[in-house]
């Protein structure tokens, strides 16, 4: 391979299909991941809209009960495993992590490319199997999943294959952060997005093998009838739940922790204030990763568990609130008295703080034993989960795409259109899911095809909100796609940020940096007055 020209952007080097398909450049791999998961996002979102349309009124509206269960399974499995889990780490994580630490690439570029194709193969196997059709729900609980049609084997095989991709990505990130940091970039100077990515990578490496073993046992159960989870043959279906949630609760933080990192990097830039409590915010990511491994039991309070175990898991679950609250309070404290610039990334960050706060406060009710028993398997859980995953992870991803869009594409989007897209999404999302809290409080079970007439009005509001919610993403992604090819050229650092990725050109060269980047003397969050970090904020553009 010819020596890369540091003056040529990654978009101009090695053009054509094979130039992208065989590239080991972390930036191109991140873009390929982004295009791929957005396809799955559209498919899963379309299924969700059909589900909500069916629920617009009691009784069968546009489909039967079997078709409803099939669409529910498709939506949940694709949205969780093919979009949200790889979402931020594989896309923005791949693109930005080496840039943020001053490295030329990840530690193992070829393994990085391999992880992408392993993900694609696993995703295709899963998608094909889901079209069989599948109707077990996205958790695939035994014993129904081992007695259902043959799709379960192929679906679990697809998930098993994708697990290898997740492990390879996590391992690559851990080694990259440990070994490839620029001179002077110590652990206590790392960007908070890197800290969050590091904690996420540890979960990927440690938790994914557990679900891999669980899926192998499920395949053996289905093919060889060995009786691991089937009670008719001496197995225990609760054992499947234990294994599944031991992985699946940490995987919640694979989804949300990188979103925390994005928000923590956006807020200081657009508040022109240093990050309040940097070390507390950084170390809280590791604390969340640790606690995530010891609280899986709160998903099983009504599944057959001793009173002592219920009490212990309920007590431990409250510990998650401590490092999470540290983040939220420090974000709000950073914005306090700041010179806030309400650009699109900051609007998404503010929206994230608002919606994730609702998710956290409603999560307390699910940690308390007495209220969990009442609210379990109701629409209250559906609303809480979506406020965490969509109101948290997906909104953070949209904010990150708007923040680093000039760096990724070298162009700038229309700021008025970006504001409209944010407002459209904010209204649509809350109109969709906030009424579902009341549905749950009134006793409406989740995953039901039909419901009593007294729930009609709230379901109607939720369905109308889903149309706004879905169409907002079409508008946002269309705006960004148009700007990527037709938008005005962006400067190297339009936000006047201090982190290392903004010290190179936009878009970056294939080698990332023409020379070893200079790390700011006072750190990448030094947005105070000159020589100080505790003075009044400097408004964006004041230094020009």
Protein backbone atom coordinates (compact mmCIF):
# COMPACT_ATOMS: atom_id res chain seq x y z
CA UNK A 1 0.00 0.00 0.00
CA UNK A 2 1.27 3.45 -0.88
CA UNK A 3 2.18 5.82 1.93
CA UNK A 4 -0.87 7.85 2.92
CA UNK A 5 -0.79 11.55 2.11
CA UNK A 6 -1.48 13.53 5.28
CA UNK A 7 -3.03 16.34 3.22
CA UNK A 8 -5.71 14.10 1.66
CA UNK A 9 -8.93 13.57 3.62
CA UNK A 10 -10.14 10.08 4.34
CA UNK A 11 -13.10 10.73 2.01
CA UNK A 12 -10.76 11.41 -0.91
CA UNK A 13 -8.39 8.49 -0.34
CA UNK A 14 -9.07 4.99 -1.65
CA UNK A 15 -12.36 5.85 -3.33
CA UNK A 16 -14.77 3.39 -4.87
CA UNK A 17 -16.59 0.36 -3.50
CA UNK A 18 -13.49 -1.70 -2.75
CA UNK A 19 -11.70 1.32 -1.34
CA UNK A 20 -14.37 1.40 1.35
CA UNK A 21 -15.19 -2.30 1.65
CA UNK A 22 -11.56 -3.32 2.29
CA UNK A 23 -10.42 -0.23 4.18
CA UNK A 24 -8.96 -0.66 7.66
CA UNK A 25 -9.32 3.08 8.36
CA UNK A 26 -11.33 3.39 11.58
CA UNK A 27 -13.18 6.40 10.18
CA UNK A 28 -14.50 4.54 7.14
CA UNK A 29 -15.42 1.53 9.25
CA UNK A 30 -17.39 3.82 11.56
CA UNK A 31 -19.26 5.29 8.57
CA UNK A 32 -20.02 1.79 7.22
CA UNK A 33 -21.40 0.82 10.60
CA UNK A 34 -23.52 3.99 10.63
CA UNK A 35 -25.10 3.30 7.23
CA UNK A 36 -25.74 -0.33 8.18
CA UNK A 37 -27.40 0.26 11.54
CA UNK A 38 -29.53 3.09 10.14
CA UNK A 39 -31.04 0.58 7.71
CA UNK A 40 -31.98 -1.62 10.66
CA UNK A 41 -33.28 1.45 12.51
CA UNK A 42 -35.66 2.21 9.65
CA UNK A 43 -36.87 -1.41 9.50
CA UNK A 44 -37.44 -1.65 13.25
CA UNK A 45 -39.04 1.79 13.37
CA UNK A 46 -41.42 0.84 10.56
CA UNK A 47 -42.50 -2.24 12.52
CA UNK A 48 -43.10 -0.06 15.59
CA UNK A 49 -45.33 2.30 13.62
CA UNK A 50 -47.43 -0.64 12.41
CA UNK A 51 -47.75 -1.90 15.98
CA UNK A 52 -48.91 1.51 17.18
CA UNK A 53 -51.36 1.77 14.27
CA UNK A 54 -52.90 -1.54 15.30
CA UNK A 55 -53.33 -0.19 18.85
CA UNK A 56 -55.11 2.99 17.73
CA UNK A 57 -58.43 1.38 18.70
CA UNK A 58 -59.61 -1.74 20.55
CA UNK A 59 -59.97 -4.94 18.55
CA UNK A 60 -58.29 -5.98 15.33
CA UNK A 61 -57.55 -2.83 13.32
CA UNK A 62 -55.09 -3.72 10.53
CA UNK A 63 -53.76 -7.16 11.55
CA UNK A 64 -54.44 -10.30 13.55
CA UNK A 65 -52.92 -11.31 16.87
CA UNK A 66 -50.21 -13.54 15.34
CA UNK A 67 -49.05 -10.78 12.98
CA UNK A 68 -48.99 -8.40 15.95
CA UNK A 69 -46.70 -10.72 17.92
CA UNK A 70 -44.45 -11.17 14.88
CA UNK A 71 -44.09 -7.40 14.43
CA UNK A 72 -43.44 -6.92 18.16
CA UNK A 73 -40.67 -9.52 18.03
CA UNK A 74 -39.17 -8.02 14.88
CA UNK A 75 -39.24 -4.49 16.30
CA UNK A 76 -37.70 -5.43 19.63
CA UNK A 77 -35.01 -7.79 18.36
CA UNK A 78 -33.86 -5.58 15.48
CA UNK A 79 -34.01 -2.31 17.40
CA UNK A 80 -32.10 -3.65 20.41
CA UNK A 81 -29.54 -6.05 18.97
CA UNK A 82 -29.00 -4.60 15.49
CA UNK A 83 -29.31 -0.88 16.19
CA UNK A 84 -29.02 0.32 19.79
CA UNK A 85 -26.38 -2.13 21.09
CA UNK A 86 -23.84 -1.42 18.31
CA UNK A 87 -25.22 2.11 17.80
CA UNK A 88 -22.81 4.59 19.38
CA UNK A 89 -19.71 2.43 20.07
CA UNK A 90 -19.47 1.05 16.54
CA UNK A 91 -20.22 4.35 14.77
CA UNK A 92 -19.06 7.45 16.63
CA UNK A 93 -16.84 5.35 18.87
CA UNK A 94 -14.99 3.91 15.90
CA UNK A 95 -14.71 7.26 14.15
CA UNK A 96 -13.74 9.43 17.11
CA UNK A 97 -11.87 7.40 19.69
CA UNK A 98 -8.45 7.37 17.93
CA UNK A 99 -8.87 11.04 17.00
CA UNK A 100 -9.68 11.98 20.59
CA UNK A 101 -6.55 10.35 21.99
CA UNK A 102 -4.23 11.52 19.19
CA UNK A 103 -3.77 8.08 17.60
CA UNK A 104 -3.51 7.20 13.91
CA UNK A 105 -5.95 4.29 14.17
CA UNK A 106 -7.23 1.69 16.59
CA UNK A 107 -4.77 -0.86 17.94
CA UNK A 108 -5.92 -3.65 15.60
CA UNK A 109 -7.28 -2.16 12.34
CA UNK A 110 -7.80 -5.51 10.59
CA UNK A 111 -9.72 -6.94 13.52
CA UNK A 112 -11.80 -3.76 13.44
CA UNK A 113 -12.75 -4.41 9.80
CA UNK A 114 -13.40 -8.07 10.59
CA UNK A 115 -15.75 -7.07 13.42
CA UNK A 116 -17.86 -5.11 10.93
CA UNK A 117 -18.29 -8.04 8.56
CA UNK A 118 -18.95 -10.43 11.43
CA UNK A 119 -21.70 -8.05 12.56
CA UNK A 120 -23.19 -7.90 9.05
CA UNK A 121 -23.21 -11.70 8.71
CA UNK A 122 -24.84 -12.15 12.12
CA UNK A 123 -27.38 -9.41 11.41
CA UNK A 124 -28.38 -10.95 8.07
CA UNK A 125 -28.85 -14.36 9.69
CA UNK A 126 -31.02 -12.77 12.38
CA UNK A 127 -33.09 -10.73 9.90
CA UNK A 128 -33.77 -13.74 7.67
CA UNK A 129 -34.78 -15.86 10.66
CA UNK A 130 -37.14 -13.15 11.93
CA UNK A 131 -39.00 -13.25 8.62
CA UNK A 132 -39.90 -16.91 9.24
CA UNK A 133 -41.99 -15.47 11.14
CA UNK A 134 -40.95 -15.22 14.81
CA UNK A 135 -43.40 -14.45 17.59
CA UNK A 136 -41.61 -15.08 20.90
CA UNK A 137 -40.80 -11.47 21.75
CA UNK A 138 -37.28 -10.05 21.80
CA UNK A 139 -36.34 -11.78 25.09
CA UNK A 140 -36.99 -15.30 23.68
CA UNK A 141 -38.05 -16.71 27.04
CA UNK A 142 -38.04 -20.46 27.50
CA UNK A 143 -39.92 -22.75 27.32
CA UNK A 144 -41.95 -21.13 24.52
CA UNK A 145 -38.86 -20.27 22.46
CA UNK A 146 -37.63 -23.88 22.52
CA UNK A 147 -41.05 -25.17 21.44
CA UNK A 148 -41.62 -22.57 18.72
CA UNK A 149 -40.66 -23.00 15.06
CA UNK A 150 -37.15 -23.58 13.74
CA UNK A 151 -36.39 -19.86 13.44
CA UNK A 152 -35.10 -19.81 17.04
CA UNK A 153 -31.97 -21.75 16.08
CA UNK A 154 -31.06 -19.34 13.29
CA UNK A 155 -31.96 -16.26 15.29
CA UNK A 156 -29.82 -17.31 18.23
CA UNK A 157 -27.03 -18.25 15.82
CA UNK A 158 -27.20 -14.72 14.37
CA UNK A 159 -27.06 -13.19 17.84
CA UNK A 160 -24.17 -15.51 18.74
CA UNK A 161 -22.20 -14.36 15.68
CA UNK A 162 -22.88 -10.69 16.43
CA UNK A 163 -21.56 -11.28 19.94
CA UNK A 164 -18.11 -11.93 18.49
CA UNK A 165 -18.27 -8.55 16.75
CA UNK A 166 -19.10 -6.85 20.05
CA UNK A 167 -16.24 -8.60 21.86
CA UNK A 168 -13.73 -7.69 19.14
CA UNK A 169 -14.81 -4.04 19.19
CA UNK A 170 -14.60 -3.84 22.98
CA UNK A 171 -11.19 -5.53 23.11
CA UNK A 172 -9.89 -3.21 20.39
CA UNK A 173 -11.05 -0.11 22.24
CA UNK A 174 -9.54 -1.21 25.57
CA UNK A 175 -6.12 -1.83 24.02
CA UNK A 176 -6.30 1.38 21.97
CA UNK A 177 -7.02 3.55 25.01
CA UNK A 178 -4.32 1.85 27.08
CA UNK A 179 -1.54 1.86 24.49
CA UNK A 180 -2.06 4.58 21.87
CA UNK A 181 -2.72 7.79 23.81
CA UNK A 182 -0.78 10.87 22.68
CA UNK A 183 2.15 12.08 24.83
CA UNK A 184 0.87 13.98 27.85
CA UNK A 185 -2.64 12.58 27.58
CA UNK A 186 -2.92 10.92 30.97
CA UNK A 187 -6.00 9.12 32.27
CA UNK A 188 -7.23 12.18 34.14
CA UNK A 189 -7.09 14.26 30.96
CA UNK A 190 -9.05 11.94 28.70
CA UNK A 191 -12.25 13.20 27.05
CA UNK A 192 -15.32 12.00 28.91
CA UNK A 193 -16.55 10.27 25.75
CA UNK A 194 -13.38 8.16 25.86
CA UNK A 195 -13.99 7.32 29.53
CA UNK A 196 -17.55 6.24 28.68
CA UNK A 197 -16.32 4.22 25.69
CA UNK A 198 -13.73 2.52 27.91
CA UNK A 199 -16.36 1.50 30.48
CA UNK A 200 -18.61 0.29 27.66
CA UNK A 201 -15.79 -1.77 26.14
CA UNK A 202 -15.18 -3.50 29.47
CA UNK A 203 -18.85 -4.53 29.59
CA UNK A 204 -18.69 -5.77 25.99
CA UNK A 205 -15.68 -7.95 26.74
CA UNK A 206 -16.92 -9.32 30.07
CA UNK A 207 -20.69 -9.68 29.61
CA UNK A 208 -21.08 -10.81 26.00
CA UNK A 209 -19.56 -14.30 26.53
CA UNK A 210 -22.32 -15.01 29.07
CA UNK A 211 -25.10 -14.49 26.56
CA UNK A 212 -23.04 -16.43 24.01
CA UNK A 213 -23.03 -19.48 26.28
CA UNK A 214 -26.74 -19.00 26.95
CA UNK A 215 -27.51 -18.96 23.24
CA UNK A 216 -25.46 -22.12 22.69
CA UNK A 217 -27.48 -23.85 25.42
CA UNK A 218 -30.71 -22.65 23.79
CA UNK A 219 -29.59 -24.08 20.43
CA UNK A 220 -28.66 -27.40 22.07
CA UNK A 221 -32.04 -27.42 23.79
CA UNK A 222 -33.82 -26.89 20.49
CA UNK A 223 -31.78 -29.32 18.37
CA UNK A 224 -30.87 -32.10 20.83
CA UNK A 225 -33.72 -31.77 23.33
CA UNK A 226 -31.27 -31.92 26.24
CA UNK A 227 -33.66 -30.39 28.78
CA UNK A 228 -31.66 -27.44 30.12
CA UNK A 229 -34.56 -24.98 30.17
CA UNK A 230 -37.57 -27.26 29.54
CA UNK A 231 -39.33 -28.11 32.83
CA UNK A 232 -40.98 -31.14 31.21
CA UNK A 233 -37.52 -32.71 30.96
CA UNK A 234 -36.16 -31.55 34.30
CA UNK A 235 -34.92 -28.19 33.09
CA UNK A 236 -35.53 -24.76 34.60
CA UNK A 237 -36.87 -21.86 32.51
CA UNK A 238 -35.90 -19.46 35.31
CA UNK A 239 -32.28 -20.41 34.65
CA UNK A 240 -32.63 -18.93 31.16
CA UNK A 241 -33.92 -15.70 32.67
CA UNK A 242 -30.97 -15.59 35.08
CA UNK A 243 -28.46 -16.00 32.26
CA UNK A 244 -30.30 -13.67 29.89
CA UNK A 245 -30.63 -10.78 32.33
CA UNK A 246 -27.12 -11.21 33.73
CA UNK A 247 -26.03 -10.13 30.25
CA UNK A 248 -28.97 -7.98 29.24
CA UNK A 249 -28.88 -5.59 32.15
CA UNK A 250 -25.21 -4.69 31.58
CA UNK A 251 -26.05 -4.39 27.89
CA UNK A 252 -28.42 -1.55 28.83
CA UNK A 253 -25.28 0.35 29.79
CA UNK A 254 -23.52 -0.67 26.57
CA UNK A 255 -26.36 1.29 24.98
CA UNK A 256 -26.52 4.30 27.31
CA UNK A 257 -22.96 4.84 28.63
CA UNK A 258 -21.59 6.13 25.30
CA UNK A 259 -24.57 8.49 25.21
CA UNK A 260 -23.48 9.84 28.60
CA UNK A 261 -20.05 10.47 27.09
CA UNK A 262 -21.47 12.38 24.13
CA UNK A 263 -23.56 14.63 26.37
CA UNK A 264 -20.59 15.23 28.69
CA UNK A 265 -18.51 16.43 25.74
CA UNK A 266 -21.23 18.62 24.22
CA UNK A 267 -22.33 20.54 27.32
CA UNK A 268 -18.98 22.23 28.22
CA UNK A 269 -18.42 23.33 24.60
CA UNK A 270 -21.78 25.06 24.25
CA UNK A 271 -21.88 26.34 27.83
CA UNK A 272 -18.32 27.71 27.56
CA UNK A 273 -17.72 26.39 31.05
CA UNK A 274 -15.26 23.76 32.36
CA UNK A 275 -16.86 20.41 33.14
CA UNK A 276 -17.88 20.54 36.78
CA UNK A 277 -16.46 17.58 38.70
CA UNK A 278 -14.53 16.07 35.80
CA UNK A 279 -13.07 13.18 37.83
CA UNK A 280 -16.41 12.35 39.41
CA UNK A 281 -18.08 12.22 35.99
CA UNK A 282 -15.24 10.13 34.54
CA UNK A 283 -15.06 7.58 37.36
CA UNK A 284 -18.85 7.34 37.57
CA UNK A 285 -18.78 5.61 34.17
CA UNK A 286 -16.65 2.84 35.67
CA UNK A 287 -18.92 2.71 38.72
CA UNK A 288 -21.99 2.26 36.51
CA UNK A 289 -20.25 -0.51 34.57
CA UNK A 290 -19.41 -2.29 37.83
CA UNK A 291 -22.85 -1.99 39.40
CA UNK A 292 -24.53 -3.15 36.17
CA UNK A 293 -23.29 -6.70 36.83
CA UNK A 294 -24.99 -7.10 40.21
CA UNK A 295 -28.54 -5.85 39.65
CA UNK A 296 -29.98 -8.17 36.98
CA UNK A 297 -32.42 -9.70 39.47
CA UNK A 298 -34.75 -6.69 39.50
CA UNK A 299 -36.07 -7.93 36.14
CA UNK A 300 -37.26 -11.10 37.88
CA UNK A 301 -39.08 -9.98 41.03
CA UNK A 302 -42.25 -11.80 39.87
CA UNK A 303 -40.48 -14.75 38.20
CA UNK A 304 -39.85 -17.00 41.17
CA UNK A 305 -37.26 -15.64 43.57
CA UNK A 306 -36.83 -15.85 47.33
CA UNK A 307 -37.86 -12.88 49.45
CA UNK A 308 -34.25 -12.46 50.58
CA UNK A 309 -33.00 -12.33 46.96
CA UNK A 310 -35.71 -9.81 46.07
CA UNK A 311 -34.67 -7.57 48.95
CA UNK A 312 -30.97 -7.78 48.05
CA UNK A 313 -31.51 -7.00 44.37
CA UNK A 314 -33.88 -4.15 45.21
CA UNK A 315 -31.28 -2.68 47.59
CA UNK A 316 -28.44 -3.04 45.06
CA UNK A 317 -30.50 -1.49 42.25
CA UNK A 318 -30.60 1.83 44.08
CA UNK A 319 -26.81 2.04 43.86
CA UNK A 320 -27.11 2.65 40.11
CA UNK A 321 -28.78 5.96 40.89
CA UNK A 322 -25.70 7.32 42.67
CA UNK A 323 -23.17 7.48 39.78
CA UNK A 324 -25.96 8.34 37.36
CA UNK A 325 -27.10 11.27 39.51
CA UNK A 326 -23.47 12.44 39.75
CA UNK A 327 -23.44 12.80 35.98
CA UNK A 328 -26.76 14.62 35.75
CA UNK A 329 -26.00 17.05 38.58
CA UNK A 330 -22.58 17.87 37.12
CA UNK A 331 -24.05 18.44 33.66
CA UNK A 332 -26.62 20.84 35.09
CA UNK A 333 -23.95 22.50 37.24
CA UNK A 334 -21.78 22.99 34.17
CA UNK A 335 -24.62 24.74 32.35
CA UNK A 336 -25.43 26.93 35.37
CA UNK A 337 -24.34 30.54 34.69
CA UNK A 338 -22.74 29.46 31.44
CA UNK A 339 -22.83 31.37 28.18
CA UNK A 340 -25.07 28.81 26.52
CA UNK A 341 -25.22 28.65 22.75
CA UNK A 342 -28.44 26.91 21.70
CA UNK A 343 -27.01 25.14 18.68
CA UNK A 344 -28.52 21.82 17.61
CA UNK A 345 -26.06 19.63 19.58
CA UNK A 346 -26.80 21.56 22.77
CA UNK A 347 -30.55 21.26 22.21
CA UNK A 348 -30.20 17.49 21.94
CA UNK A 349 -28.08 17.50 25.11
CA UNK A 350 -30.73 19.47 27.01
CA UNK A 351 -33.44 17.17 25.66
CA UNK A 352 -31.37 14.19 26.77
CA UNK A 353 -31.02 15.52 30.32
CA UNK A 354 -34.77 16.17 30.52
CA UNK A 355 -35.87 12.80 29.17
CA UNK A 356 -33.24 10.73 30.92
CA UNK A 357 -34.19 12.38 34.21
CA UNK A 358 -37.74 11.14 33.66
CA UNK A 359 -36.34 7.69 32.89
CA UNK A 360 -34.30 7.71 36.08
CA UNK A 361 -37.10 8.92 38.33
CA UNK A 362 -39.55 6.35 36.97
CA UNK A 363 -36.90 3.67 37.36
CA UNK A 364 -37.03 4.19 41.13
CA UNK A 365 -40.60 2.84 41.14
CA UNK A 366 -39.37 -0.32 39.42
CA UNK A 367 -36.56 -0.79 41.94
CA UNK A 368 -38.99 -0.72 44.89
CA UNK A 369 -40.42 -4.19 45.49
CA UNK A 370 -43.94 -3.12 46.37
CA UNK A 371 -44.44 -0.96 43.27
CA UNK A 372 -42.51 -3.27 40.93
CA UNK A 373 -44.96 -6.09 41.57
CA UNK A 374 -47.82 -3.80 40.52
CA UNK A 375 -46.10 -2.15 37.54
CA UNK A 376 -44.20 -5.15 36.17
CA UNK A 377 -45.24 -6.13 32.62
CA UNK A 378 -47.37 -3.00 32.21
CA UNK A 379 -46.99 -0.07 29.85
CA UNK A 380 -45.19 1.77 32.65
CA UNK A 381 -42.16 -0.43 31.94
CA UNK A 382 -42.51 0.21 28.19
CA UNK A 383 -42.48 3.97 28.75
CA UNK A 384 -39.55 3.79 31.19
CA UNK A 385 -37.53 1.63 28.80
CA UNK A 386 -38.13 3.92 25.82
CA UNK A 387 -37.33 7.05 27.81
CA UNK A 388 -34.00 5.38 28.59
CA UNK A 389 -33.22 3.93 25.17
CA UNK A 390 -34.77 6.37 22.71
CA UNK A 391 -34.96 9.45 24.90
CA UNK A 392 -31.43 8.63 26.07
CA UNK A 393 -29.33 6.61 23.63
CA UNK A 394 -30.94 7.59 20.33
CA UNK A 395 -31.25 11.28 21.24
CA UNK A 396 -27.60 11.26 22.31
CA UNK A 397 -26.65 9.66 18.99
CA UNK A 398 -28.56 12.37 17.12
CA UNK A 399 -26.82 15.03 19.22
CA UNK A 400 -23.44 13.46 18.54
CA UNK A 401 -24.10 13.30 14.81
CA UNK A 402 -24.97 17.00 14.79
CA UNK A 403 -21.94 17.90 16.92
CA UNK A 404 -19.34 15.96 14.95
CA UNK A 405 -21.08 16.27 11.58
CA UNK A 406 -18.65 19.00 10.38
CA UNK A 407 -15.72 16.79 11.42
CA UNK A 408 -17.11 13.69 9.72
CA UNK A 409 -18.24 15.26 6.45
CA UNK A 410 -16.41 18.59 6.22
CA UNK A 411 -19.77 20.29 5.67
CA UNK A 412 -22.37 22.07 7.79
CA UNK A 413 -26.09 21.37 7.97
CA UNK A 414 -28.87 23.96 7.87
CA UNK A 415 -29.19 25.14 11.47
CA UNK A 416 -32.85 26.15 11.17
CA UNK A 417 -33.72 22.72 9.79
CA UNK A 418 -31.74 21.12 12.63
CA UNK A 419 -33.75 23.11 15.19
CA UNK A 420 -37.03 22.09 13.55
CA UNK A 421 -35.94 18.45 13.56
CA UNK A 422 -35.05 18.58 17.26
CA UNK A 423 -38.35 20.24 18.24
CA UNK A 424 -40.31 17.82 16.05
CA UNK A 425 -38.60 14.85 17.70
CA UNK A 426 -38.95 16.23 21.22
CA UNK A 427 -42.71 16.76 20.85
CA UNK A 428 -43.32 13.50 18.99
CA UNK A 429 -41.34 11.36 21.41
CA UNK A 430 -42.98 12.72 24.56
CA UNK A 431 -46.44 12.55 22.99
CA UNK A 432 -45.80 8.90 22.16
CA UNK A 433 -44.43 7.58 25.42
CA UNK A 434 -45.53 9.88 28.26
CA UNK A 435 -49.18 8.69 28.04
CA UNK A 436 -47.90 5.13 28.41
CA UNK A 437 -46.89 5.85 32.01
CA UNK A 438 -50.56 6.47 32.76
CA UNK A 439 -51.59 3.36 30.82
CA UNK A 440 -49.29 1.34 33.06
CA UNK A 441 -50.53 3.01 36.24
CA UNK A 442 -54.08 2.13 35.19
CA UNK A 443 -53.08 -1.52 34.71
CA UNK A 444 -52.72 -1.87 30.94
CA UNK A 445 -50.44 -4.90 30.30
CA UNK A 446 -47.68 -4.57 27.72
CA UNK A 447 -47.47 -6.70 24.53
CA UNK A 448 -51.24 -7.18 24.40
CA UNK A 449 -52.92 -7.22 20.99
CA UNK A 450 -56.27 -5.98 22.34
CA UNK A 451 -57.37 -3.86 25.29
CA UNK A 452 -60.40 -2.59 27.19
CA UNK A 453 -62.22 0.52 25.88
CA UNK A 454 -61.17 2.68 28.87
CA UNK A 455 -57.59 2.67 27.55
CA UNK A 456 -58.57 3.93 24.10
CA UNK A 457 -57.89 7.66 24.49
CA UNK A 458 -54.35 7.23 25.81
CA UNK A 459 -53.55 4.70 23.07
CA UNK A 460 -54.92 7.13 20.48
CA UNK A 461 -52.67 9.94 21.75
CA UNK A 462 -49.68 7.59 21.81
CA UNK A 463 -50.30 6.46 18.23
CA UNK A 464 -50.62 10.03 16.95
CA UNK A 465 -47.38 10.84 18.76
CA UNK A 466 -45.69 7.88 17.07
CA UNK A 467 -46.46 9.39 13.66
CA UNK A 468 -44.76 12.62 14.72
CA UNK A 469 -41.91 10.68 16.29
CA UNK A 470 -41.26 8.53 13.23
CA UNK A 471 -41.57 11.36 10.72
CA UNK A 472 -39.14 13.49 12.76
CA UNK A 473 -36.37 10.96 12.15
CA UNK A 474 -37.12 10.96 8.44
CA UNK A 475 -36.76 14.75 8.44
CA UNK A 476 -33.59 14.77 10.59
CA UNK A 477 -31.77 12.07 8.63
CA UNK A 478 -32.83 13.57 5.29
CA UNK A 479 -31.51 16.97 6.39
CA UNK A 480 -28.16 15.48 7.38
CA UNK A 481 -27.93 13.36 4.22
CA UNK A 482 -28.54 16.40 2.02
CA UNK A 483 -26.01 18.48 3.96
CA UNK A 484 -23.37 15.75 3.67
CA UNK A 485 -23.29 16.25 -0.10
CA UNK A 486 -24.67 19.76 -0.67
CA UNK A 487 -24.08 21.63 2.59
CA UNK A 488 -21.64 24.56 2.83
CA UNK A 489 -18.02 23.77 3.67
CA UNK A 490 -17.28 23.73 7.40
CA UNK A 491 -14.18 25.09 9.06
CA UNK A 492 -11.86 22.73 10.93
CA UNK A 493 -13.32 23.74 14.31
CA UNK A 494 -16.70 25.51 13.95
CA UNK A 495 -17.59 25.00 17.63
CA UNK A 496 -14.24 26.31 18.98
CA UNK A 497 -13.78 23.10 20.95
CA UNK A 498 -10.49 22.15 22.61
CA UNK A 499 -10.37 18.35 22.31
CA UNK A 500 -7.84 16.74 19.98
CA UNK A 501 -10.22 15.69 17.19
CA UNK A 502 -10.78 19.39 16.46
CA UNK A 503 -7.04 20.02 15.97
CA UNK A 504 -7.05 18.29 12.60
CA UNK A 505 -8.79 19.22 9.36
CA UNK A 506 -12.46 18.60 8.64
CA UNK A 507 -12.82 15.95 7.33
CA UNK A 508 -9.66 14.44 8.84
CA UNK A 509 -6.83 13.07 6.70
CA UNK A 510 -6.43 9.32 6.39
CA UNK A 511 -3.58 9.45 8.92
CA UNK A 512 -5.70 11.59 11.31
CA UNK A 513 -2.91 14.08 12.14
CA UNK A 514 -0.07 15.55 10.06
CA UNK A 515 2.00 15.73 13.27
CA UNK A 516 1.64 14.72 16.91
CA UNK A 517 -1.21 16.91 18.24
CA UNK A 518 -0.59 19.42 21.01
CA UNK A 519 -2.55 18.68 24.14
CA UNK A 520 -4.01 21.87 25.71
CA UNK A 521 -1.99 22.87 28.76
CA UNK A 522 -5.05 23.33 30.97
CA UNK A 523 -7.00 20.39 29.55
CA UNK A 524 -9.70 20.01 26.92
CA UNK A 525 -12.47 21.44 29.13
CA UNK A 526 -10.75 24.74 29.95
CA UNK A 527 -13.46 27.13 28.75
CA UNK A 528 -12.96 29.78 31.42
CA UNK A 529 -11.15 33.09 31.04
CA UNK A 530 -7.54 33.08 29.93
CA UNK A 531 -5.31 31.38 32.48
CA UNK A 532 -8.26 30.41 34.71
CA UNK A 533 -11.01 27.82 34.73
CA UNK A 534 -13.21 29.41 37.40
CA UNK A 535 -13.90 32.81 35.88
CA UNK A 536 -16.86 33.97 33.82
CA UNK A 537 -17.44 32.06 30.59
CA UNK A 538 -16.11 33.23 27.25
CA UNK A 539 -18.96 33.29 24.69
CA UNK A 540 -18.47 31.24 21.56
CA UNK A 541 -16.80 33.35 18.90
CA UNK A 542 -15.47 35.94 21.34
CA UNK A 543 -11.91 35.01 20.57
CA UNK A 544 -12.22 35.74 16.87
